[in-house]
Each structure stands twice: as structure tokens, then as C-alpha cells.
Amino acid sequence: MWTPESRPKYDRSKLRYPSDLTDEEWSIIGPLIPLAKSGGNKRTVDIRAVLNGVMYILSTGCQWAALPKDLPPRSTVNDYLRRWD
């Protein structure tokens, strides 16, 4: 239930997009993301940004081509989503 005490906890107005992960949400989800495979190139992509891209697609229902330019490329976001699936 919305109360004056609970509203600040769920306020997303300071985020870039309402679908972006808060620091608290990232602290829960981040450790669950698999590490990069050993022996290959170092991971250069920001996984939190990739997850923000996935959340943007899921929350807005937009087409992959409409993913904002300040998120990772749609091919990267799609590739990670497929790997995690």
C-alpha cells in the first residue's frame, strides 16, 4: 500500500529511465550474473547497462531497433539476453 513513508523507497524519478535498476536492486541481481568465461577476452561491456537495456525492452515493449542510443547496442543486449535464457 502506498503511504507517505513508502513512497520514497519506490521513487524512480531520479533514474535515467524508470526501467533502470537502482543500486539496491543491482546489489541483489549483480552477484547472480555469471562471470565471464576464463581463457577468452576480458569482458568489456558493462553488465549493469546490458541489464538496464533488457529491462527497458521488457518494460516498454519497444522494438529492438528502438533501444535508446545511450544503452549498449541492441545486438549486445539481445546476445546477453539469449545467453541468460
PDB file of N, CA and C in Angstrom:
ATOM      1  N   MET A   1       0.846  -1.173   0.000  1.00  0.00           N
ATOM      2  CA  MET A   1       0.000   0.000   0.000  1.00  0.00           C
ATOM      3  C   MET A   1       0.894   1.240   0.000  1.00  0.00           C
ATOM      4  N   TRP A   2       0.474   2.244  -0.763  1.00  0.00           N
ATOM      5  CA  TRP A   2       1.231   3.488  -0.823  1.00  0.00           C
ATOM      6  C   TRP A   2       0.962   4.310   0.432  1.00  0.00           C
ATOM      7  N   THR A   3       2.020   4.623   1.112  1.00  0.00           N
ATOM      8  CA  THR A   3       1.945   5.506   2.279  1.00  0.00           C
ATOM      9  C   THR A   3       3.022   6.566   2.110  1.00  0.00           C
ATOM     10  N   PRO A   4       2.918   7.673   2.826  1.00  0.00           N
ATOM     11  CA  PRO A   4       3.978   8.688   2.732  1.00  0.00           C
ATOM     12  C   PRO A   4       5.363   8.131   3.081  1.00  0.00           C
ATOM     13  N   GLU A   5       5.415   7.118   3.932  1.00  0.00           N
ATOM     14  CA  GLU A   5       6.700   6.532   4.321  1.00  0.00           C
ATOM     15  C   GLU A   5       7.273   5.630   3.211  1.00  0.00           C
ATOM     16  N   SER A   6       6.392   4.956   2.463  1.00  0.00           N
ATOM     17  CA  SER A   6       6.877   4.010   1.458  1.00  0.00           C
ATOM     18  C   SER A   6       7.158   4.658   0.106  1.00  0.00           C
ATOM     19  N   ARG A   7       6.587   5.804  -0.171  1.00  0.00           N
ATOM     20  CA  ARG A   7       6.772   6.437  -1.483  1.00  0.00           C
ATOM     21  C   ARG A   7       8.240   6.686  -1.844  1.00  0.00           C
ATOM     22  N   PRO A   8       9.071   7.213  -0.945  1.00  0.00           N
ATOM     23  CA  PRO A   8      10.473   7.447  -1.335  1.00  0.00           C
ATOM     24  C   PRO A   8      11.218   6.175  -1.717  1.00  0.00           C
ATOM     25  N   LYS A   9      10.844   5.056  -1.139  1.00  0.00           N
ATOM     26  CA  LYS A   9      11.516   3.796  -1.441  1.00  0.00           C
ATOM     27  C   LYS A   9      11.293   3.382  -2.897  1.00  0.00           C
ATOM     28  N   TYR A  10      10.153   3.707  -3.452  1.00  0.00           N
ATOM     29  CA  TYR A  10       9.803   3.294  -4.806  1.00  0.00           C
ATOM     30  C   TYR A  10       9.889   4.432  -5.830  1.00  0.00           C
ATOM     31  N   ASP A  11      10.454   5.560  -5.433  1.00  0.00           N
ATOM     32  CA  ASP A  11      10.577   6.704  -6.332  1.00  0.00           C
ATOM     33  C   ASP A  11      11.645   6.418  -7.386  1.00  0.00           C
ATOM     34  N   ARG A  12      11.283   6.467  -8.649  1.00  0.00           N
ATOM     35  CA  ARG A  12      12.214   6.203  -9.733  1.00  0.00           C
ATOM     36  C   ARG A  12      12.476   7.459 -10.572  1.00  0.00           C
ATOM     37  N   SER A  13      12.069   8.617 -10.061  1.00  0.00           N
ATOM     38  CA  SER A  13      12.184   9.851 -10.835  1.00  0.00           C
ATOM     39  C   SER A  13      13.628  10.305 -11.026  1.00  0.00           C
ATOM     40  N   LYS A  14      14.556   9.845 -10.202  1.00  0.00           N
ATOM     41  CA  LYS A  14      15.948  10.263 -10.325  1.00  0.00           C
ATOM     42  C   LYS A  14      16.756   9.348 -11.254  1.00  0.00           C
ATOM     43  N   LEU A  15      16.133   8.295 -11.746  1.00  0.00           N
ATOM     44  CA  LEU A  15      16.807   7.389 -12.669  1.00  0.00           C
ATOM     45  C   LEU A  15      16.716   7.925 -14.102  1.00  0.00           C
ATOM     46  N   ARG A  16      17.636   7.513 -14.946  1.00  0.00           N
ATOM     47  CA  ARG A  16      17.629   7.933 -16.348  1.00  0.00           C
ATOM     48  C   ARG A  16      16.341   7.482 -17.028  1.00  0.00           C
ATOM     49  N   TYR A  17      16.001   6.206 -16.850  1.00  0.00           N
ATOM     50  CA  TYR A  17      14.738   5.642 -17.328  1.00  0.00           C
ATOM     51  C   TYR A  17      14.078   4.952 -16.140  1.00  0.00           C
ATOM     52  N   PRO A  18      12.756   4.949 -16.075  1.00  0.00           N
ATOM     53  CA  PRO A  18      12.090   4.266 -14.955  1.00  0.00           C
ATOM     54  C   PRO A  18      12.424   2.778 -14.878  1.00  0.00           C
ATOM     55  N   SER A  19      12.856   2.197 -15.987  1.00  0.00           N
ATOM     56  CA  SER A  19      13.181   0.769 -16.004  1.00  0.00           C
ATOM     57  C   SER A  19      14.594   0.468 -15.511  1.00  0.00           C
ATOM     58  N   ASP A  20      15.445   1.487 -15.339  1.00  0.00           N
ATOM     59  CA  ASP A  20      16.813   1.262 -14.878  1.00  0.00           C
ATOM     60  C   ASP A  20      16.817   0.671 -13.472  1.00  0.00           C
ATOM     61  N   LEU A  21      17.854  -0.126 -13.198  1.00  0.00           N
ATOM     62  CA  LEU A  21      17.988  -0.735 -11.884  1.00  0.00           C
ATOM     63  C   LEU A  21      18.525   0.275 -10.882  1.00  0.00           C
ATOM     64  N   THR A  22      17.961   0.268  -9.700  1.00  0.00           N
ATOM     65  CA  THR A  22      18.507   1.091  -8.620  1.00  0.00           C
ATOM     66  C   THR A  22      19.741   0.382  -8.065  1.00  0.00           C
ATOM     67  N   ASP A  23      20.521   1.088  -7.257  1.00  0.00           N
ATOM     68  CA  ASP A  23      21.694   0.472  -6.642  1.00  0.00           C
ATOM     69  C   ASP A  23      21.290  -0.706  -5.760  1.00  0.00           C
ATOM     70  N   GLU A  24      20.187  -0.576  -5.063  1.00  0.00           N
ATOM     71  CA  GLU A  24      19.710  -1.659  -4.197  1.00  0.00           C
ATOM     72  C   GLU A  24      19.317  -2.887  -5.022  1.00  0.00           C
ATOM     73  N   GLU A  25      18.613  -2.666  -6.121  1.00  0.00           N
ATOM     74  CA  GLU A  25      18.229  -3.784  -6.989  1.00  0.00           C
ATOM     75  C   GLU A  25      19.468  -4.446  -7.605  1.00  0.00           C
ATOM     76  N   TRP A  26      20.432  -3.613  -8.024  1.00  0.00           N
ATOM     77  CA  TRP A  26      21.651  -4.150  -8.626  1.00  0.00           C
ATOM     78  C   TRP A  26      22.447  -4.968  -7.616  1.00  0.00           C
ATOM     79  N   SER A  27      22.444  -4.548  -6.348  1.00  0.00           N
ATOM     80  CA  SER A  27      23.191  -5.294  -5.332  1.00  0.00           C
ATOM     81  C   SER A  27      22.617  -6.696  -5.134  1.00  0.00           C
ATOM     82  N   ILE A  28      21.358  -6.880  -5.452  1.00  0.00           N
ATOM     83  CA  ILE A  28      20.723  -8.199  -5.345  1.00  0.00           C
ATOM     84  C   ILE A  28      20.963  -9.012  -6.613  1.00  0.00           C
ATOM     85  N   ILE A  29      20.807  -8.390  -7.773  1.00  0.00           N
ATOM     86  CA  ILE A  29      20.882  -9.098  -9.049  1.00  0.00           C
ATOM     87  C   ILE A  29      22.318  -9.296  -9.522  1.00  0.00           C
ATOM     88  N   GLY A  30      23.180  -8.320  -9.306  1.00  0.00           N
ATOM     89  CA  GLY A  30      24.550  -8.360  -9.805  1.00  0.00           C
ATOM     90  C   GLY A  30      25.313  -9.639  -9.487  1.00  0.00           C
ATOM     91  N   PRO A  31      25.292 -10.106  -8.240  1.00  0.00           N
ATOM     92  CA  PRO A  31      26.030 -11.337  -7.926  1.00  0.00           C
ATOM     93  C   PRO A  31      25.487 -12.584  -8.624  1.00  0.00           C
ATOM     94  N   LEU A  32      24.265 -12.538  -9.135  1.00  0.00           N
ATOM     95  CA  LEU A  32      23.675 -13.694  -9.807  1.00  0.00           C
ATOM     96  C   LEU A  32      24.095 -13.806 -11.271  1.00  0.00           C
ATOM     97  N   ILE A  33      24.684 -12.743 -11.820  1.00  0.00           N
ATOM     98  CA  ILE A  33      25.113 -12.738 -13.219  1.00  0.00           C
ATOM     99  C   ILE A  33      26.371 -13.598 -13.343  1.00  0.00           C
ATOM    100  N   PRO A  34      26.386 -14.537 -14.282  1.00  0.00           N
ATOM    101  CA  PRO A  34      27.574 -15.394 -14.449  1.00  0.00           C
ATOM    102  C   PRO A  34      28.811 -14.568 -14.799  1.00  0.00           C
ATOM    103  N   LEU A  35      29.945 -15.002 -14.300  1.00  0.00           N
ATOM    104  CA  LEU A  35      31.210 -14.344 -14.623  1.00  0.00           C
ATOM    105  C   LEU A  35      31.581 -14.638 -16.070  1.00  0.00           C
ATOM    106  N   ALA A  36      32.490 -13.822 -16.613  1.00  0.00           N
ATOM    107  CA  ALA A  36      32.971 -14.059 -17.975  1.00  0.00           C
ATOM    108  C   ALA A  36      33.724 -15.385 -18.011  1.00  0.00           C
ATOM    109  N   LYS A  37      33.655 -16.064 -19.140  1.00  0.00           N
ATOM    110  CA  LYS A  37      34.352 -17.340 -19.269  1.00  0.00           C
ATOM    111  C   LYS A  37      35.859 -17.110 -19.204  1.00  0.00           C
ATOM    112  N   SER A  38      36.554 -18.031 -18.567  1.00  0.00           N
ATOM    113  CA  SER A  38      38.008 -17.898 -18.473  1.00  0.00           C
ATOM    114  C   SER A  38      38.655 -18.303 -19.794  1.00  0.00           C
ATOM    115  N   GLY A  39      39.817 -17.742 -20.042  1.00  0.00           N
ATOM    116  CA  GLY A  39      40.563 -18.100 -21.235  1.00  0.00           C
ATOM    117  C   GLY A  39      40.260 -17.257 -22.453  1.00  0.00           C
ATOM    118  N   GLY A  40      39.206 -16.486 -22.415  1.00  0.00           N
ATOM    119  CA  GLY A  40      38.863 -15.649 -23.566  1.00  0.00           C
ATOM    120  C   GLY A  40      39.256 -14.204 -23.330  1.00  0.00           C
ATOM    121  N   ASN A  41      38.723 -13.349 -24.144  1.00  0.00           N
ATOM    122  CA  ASN A  41      38.956 -11.924 -23.958  1.00  0.00           C
ATOM    123  C   ASN A  41      38.252 -11.434 -22.697  1.00  0.00           C
ATOM    124  N   LYS A  42      38.759 -10.361 -22.156  1.00  0.00           N
ATOM    125  CA  LYS A  42      38.124  -9.759 -20.989  1.00  0.00           C
ATOM    126  C   LYS A  42      36.787  -9.172 -21.390  1.00  0.00           C
ATOM    127  N   ARG A  43      35.845  -9.214 -20.488  1.00  0.00           N
ATOM    128  CA  ARG A  43      34.523  -8.629 -20.750  1.00  0.00           C
ATOM    129  C   ARG A  43      34.681  -7.111 -20.766  1.00  0.00           C
ATOM    130  N   THR A  44      34.243  -6.490 -21.839  1.00  0.00           N
ATOM    131  CA  THR A  44      34.394  -5.039 -21.961  1.00  0.00           C
ATOM    132  C   THR A  44      33.076  -4.306 -21.795  1.00  0.00           C
ATOM    133  N   VAL A  45      31.984  -5.031 -21.811  1.00  0.00           N
ATOM    134  CA  VAL A  45      30.675  -4.405 -21.715  1.00  0.00           C
ATOM    135  C   VAL A  45      30.271  -4.282 -20.246  1.00  0.00           C
ATOM    136  N   ASP A  46      29.560  -3.217 -19.932  1.00  0.00           N
ATOM    137  CA  ASP A  46      29.035  -3.001 -18.588  1.00  0.00           C
ATOM    138  C   ASP A  46      27.756  -3.830 -18.442  1.00  0.00           C
ATOM    139  N   ILE A  47      27.817  -4.859 -17.626  1.00  0.00           N
ATOM    140  CA  ILE A  47      26.691  -5.786 -17.492  1.00  0.00           C
ATOM    141  C   ILE A  47      25.462  -5.091 -16.916  1.00  0.00           C
ATOM    142  N   ARG A  48      25.667  -4.139 -16.035  1.00  0.00           N
ATOM    143  CA  ARG A  48      24.523  -3.408 -15.490  1.00  0.00           C
ATOM    144  C   ARG A  48      23.807  -2.643 -16.599  1.00  0.00           C
ATOM    145  N   ALA A  49      24.556  -2.057 -17.523  1.00  0.00           N
ATOM    146  CA  ALA A  49      23.952  -1.344 -18.646  1.00  0.00           C
ATOM    147  C   ALA A  49      23.201  -2.306 -19.555  1.00  0.00           C
ATOM    148  N   VAL A  50      23.759  -3.501 -19.738  1.00  0.00           N
ATOM    149  CA  VAL A  50      23.075  -4.519 -20.546  1.00  0.00           C
ATOM    150  C   VAL A  50      21.754  -4.891 -19.891  1.00  0.00           C
ATOM    151  N   LEU A  51      21.777  -5.104 -18.589  1.00  0.00           N
ATOM    152  CA  LEU A  51      20.554  -5.454 -17.881  1.00  0.00           C
ATOM    153  C   LEU A  51      19.552  -4.304 -17.908  1.00  0.00           C
ATOM    154  N   ASN A  52      20.043  -3.070 -17.840  1.00  0.00           N
ATOM    155  CA  ASN A  52      19.143  -1.922 -17.996  1.00  0.00           C
ATOM    156  C   ASN A  52      18.496  -1.931 -19.385  1.00  0.00           C
ATOM    157  N   GLY A  53      19.255  -2.336 -20.399  1.00  0.00           N
ATOM    158  CA  GLY A  53      18.699  -2.442 -21.747  1.00  0.00           C
ATOM    159  C   GLY A  53      17.620  -3.507 -21.831  1.00  0.00           C
ATOM    160  N   VAL A  54      17.862  -4.651 -21.199  1.00  0.00           N
ATOM    161  CA  VAL A  54      16.862  -5.719 -21.169  1.00  0.00           C
ATOM    162  C   VAL A  54      15.603  -5.232 -20.456  1.00  0.00           C
ATOM    163  N   MET A  55      15.791  -4.572 -19.327  1.00  0.00           N
ATOM    164  CA  MET A  55      14.643  -4.075 -18.563  1.00  0.00           C
ATOM    165  C   MET A  55      13.877  -3.016 -19.357  1.00  0.00           C
ATOM    166  N   TYR A  56      14.594  -2.201 -20.135  1.00  0.00           N
ATOM    167  CA  TYR A  56      13.929  -1.186 -20.962  1.00  0.00           C
ATOM    168  C   TYR A  56      13.036  -1.851 -22.004  1.00  0.00           C
ATOM    169  N   ILE A  57      13.578  -2.861 -22.677  1.00  0.00           N
ATOM    170  CA  ILE A  57      12.793  -3.585 -23.689  1.00  0.00           C
ATOM    171  C   ILE A  57      11.563  -4.224 -23.051  1.00  0.00           C
ATOM    172  N   LEU A  58      11.753  -4.870 -21.916  1.00  0.00           N
ATOM    173  CA  LEU A  58      10.647  -5.571 -21.264  1.00  0.00           C
ATOM    174  C   LEU A  58       9.592  -4.617 -20.716  1.00  0.00           C
ATOM    175  N   SER A  59      10.027  -3.491 -20.190  1.00  0.00           N
ATOM    176  CA  SER A  59       9.055  -2.578 -19.571  1.00  0.00           C
ATOM    177  C   SER A  59       8.306  -1.726 -20.588  1.00  0.00           C
ATOM    178  N   THR A  60       8.961  -1.391 -21.706  1.00  0.00           N
ATOM    179  CA  THR A  60       8.294  -0.535 -22.688  1.00  0.00           C
ATOM    180  C   THR A  60       7.637  -1.331 -23.809  1.00  0.00           C
ATOM    181  N   GLY A  61       8.137  -2.532 -24.052  1.00  0.00           N
ATOM    182  CA  GLY A  61       7.612  -3.317 -25.158  1.00  0.00           C
ATOM    183  C   GLY A  61       8.038  -2.775 -26.513  1.00  0.00           C
ATOM    184  N   CYS A  62       9.067  -1.942 -26.535  1.00  0.00           N
ATOM    185  CA  CYS A  62       9.506  -1.346 -27.800  1.00  0.00           C
ATOM    186  C   CYS A  62      10.238  -2.372 -28.654  1.00  0.00           C
ATOM    187  N   GLN A  63      10.439  -2.042 -29.904  1.00  0.00           N
ATOM    188  CA  GLN A  63      11.196  -2.897 -30.806  1.00  0.00           C
ATOM    189  C   GLN A  63      12.678  -2.784 -30.467  1.00  0.00           C
ATOM    190  N   TRP A  64      13.431  -3.816 -30.812  1.00  0.00           N
ATOM    191  CA  TRP A  64      14.863  -3.796 -30.538  1.00  0.00           C
ATOM    192  C   TRP A  64      15.532  -2.598 -31.206  1.00  0.00           C
ATOM    193  N   ALA A  65      15.075  -2.238 -32.379  1.00  0.00           N
ATOM    194  CA  ALA A  65      15.675  -1.111 -33.110  1.00  0.00           C
ATOM    195  C   ALA A  65      15.420   0.217 -32.410  1.00  0.00           C
ATOM    196  N   ALA A  66      14.448   0.259 -31.507  1.00  0.00           N
ATOM    197  CA  ALA A  66      14.118   1.500 -30.806  1.00  0.00           C
ATOM    198  C   ALA A  66      14.838   1.631 -29.467  1.00  0.00           C
ATOM    199  N   LEU A  67      15.767   0.735 -29.180  1.00  0.00           N
ATOM    200  CA  LEU A  67      16.543   0.824 -27.942  1.00  0.00           C
ATOM    201  C   LEU A  67      17.351   2.124 -27.964  1.00  0.00           C
ATOM    202  N   PRO A  68      17.265   2.940 -26.907  1.00  0.00           N
ATOM    203  CA  PRO A  68      17.975   4.221 -26.909  1.00  0.00           C
ATOM    204  C   PRO A  68      19.480   4.065 -27.127  1.00  0.00           C
ATOM    205  N   LYS A  69      20.068   5.062 -27.733  1.00  0.00           N
ATOM    206  CA  LYS A  69      21.488   5.022 -28.090  1.00  0.00           C
ATOM    207  C   LYS A  69      22.418   5.074 -26.880  1.00  0.00           C
ATOM    208  N   ASP A  70      21.925   5.544 -25.718  1.00  0.00           N
ATOM    209  CA  ASP A  70      22.799   5.616 -24.547  1.00  0.00           C
ATOM    210  C   ASP A  70      22.863   4.290 -23.785  1.00  0.00           C
ATOM    211  N   LEU A  71      22.149   3.276 -24.266  1.00  0.00           N
ATOM    212  CA  LEU A  71      22.267   1.919 -23.742  1.00  0.00           C
ATOM    213  C   LEU A  71      23.178   1.144 -24.682  1.00  0.00           C
ATOM    214  N   PRO A  72      23.669  -0.025 -24.277  1.00  0.00           N
ATOM    215  CA  PRO A  72      24.531  -0.798 -25.191  1.00  0.00           C
ATOM    216  C   PRO A  72      23.800  -1.124 -26.497  1.00  0.00           C
ATOM    217  N   PRO A  73      24.539  -1.458 -27.545  1.00  0.00           N
ATOM    218  CA  PRO A  73      23.910  -1.788 -28.829  1.00  0.00           C
ATOM    219  C   PRO A  73      22.899  -2.922 -28.675  1.00  0.00           C
ATOM    220  N   ARG A  74      21.879  -2.868 -29.499  1.00  0.00           N
ATOM    221  CA  ARG A  74      20.808  -3.871 -29.383  1.00  0.00           C
ATOM    222  C   ARG A  74      21.335  -5.276 -29.602  1.00  0.00           C
ATOM    223  N   SER A  75      22.348  -5.434 -30.448  1.00  0.00           N
ATOM    224  CA  SER A  75      22.907  -6.769 -30.673  1.00  0.00           C
ATOM    225  C   SER A  75      23.557  -7.314 -29.404  1.00  0.00           C
ATOM    226  N   THR A  76      24.220  -6.451 -28.643  1.00  0.00           N
ATOM    227  CA  THR A  76      24.851  -6.862 -27.393  1.00  0.00           C
ATOM    228  C   THR A  76      23.791  -7.227 -26.357  1.00  0.00           C
ATOM    229  N   VAL A  77      22.785  -6.381 -26.213  1.00  0.00           N
ATOM    230  CA  VAL A  77      21.721  -6.639 -25.240  1.00  0.00           C
ATOM    231  C   VAL A  77      20.992  -7.929 -25.606  1.00  0.00           C
ATOM    232  N   ASN A  78      20.676  -8.096 -26.877  1.00  0.00           N
ATOM    233  CA  ASN A  78      19.979  -9.301 -27.328  1.00  0.00           C
ATOM    234  C   ASN A  78      20.841 -10.546 -27.111  1.00  0.00           C
ATOM    235  N   ASP A  79      22.134 -10.458 -27.401  1.00  0.00           N
ATOM    236  CA  ASP A  79      23.032 -11.602 -27.237  1.00  0.00           C
ATOM    237  C   ASP A  79      23.087 -12.050 -25.781  1.00  0.00           C
ATOM    238  N   TYR A  80      23.230 -11.105 -24.857  1.00  0.00           N
ATOM    239  CA  TYR A  80      23.276 -11.470 -23.444  1.00  0.00           C
ATOM    240  C   TYR A  80      21.941 -12.033 -22.974  1.00  0.00           C
ATOM    241  N   LEU A  81      20.844 -11.472 -23.438  1.00  0.00           N
ATOM    242  CA  LEU A  81      19.535 -11.989 -23.053  1.00  0.00           C
ATOM    243  C   LEU A  81      19.385 -13.439 -23.515  1.00  0.00           C
ATOM    244  N   ARG A  82      19.832 -13.730 -24.718  1.00  0.00           N
ATOM    245  CA  ARG A  82      19.759 -15.104 -25.233  1.00  0.00           C
ATOM    246  C   ARG A  82      20.660 -16.039 -24.454  1.00  0.00           C
ATOM    247  N   ARG A  83      21.851 -15.569 -24.068  1.00  0.00           N
ATOM    248  CA  ARG A  83      22.758 -16.406 -23.269  1.00  0.00           C
ATOM    249  C   ARG A  83      22.152 -16.730 -21.911  1.00  0.00           C
ATOM    250  N   TRP A  84      21.526 -15.729 -21.303  1.00  0.00           N
ATOM    251  CA  TRP A  84      20.977 -15.930 -19.962  1.00  0.00           C
ATOM    252  C   TRP A  84      19.693 -16.736 -19.993  1.00  0.00           C
ATOM    253  N   ASP A  85      19.043 -16.795 -21.149  1.00  0.00           N
ATOM    254  CA  ASP A  85      17.808 -17.556 -21.280  1.00  0.00           C
ATOM    255  C   ASP A  85      18.155 -18.998 -21.255  1.00  0.00           C
TER     256      ASP A  85
END
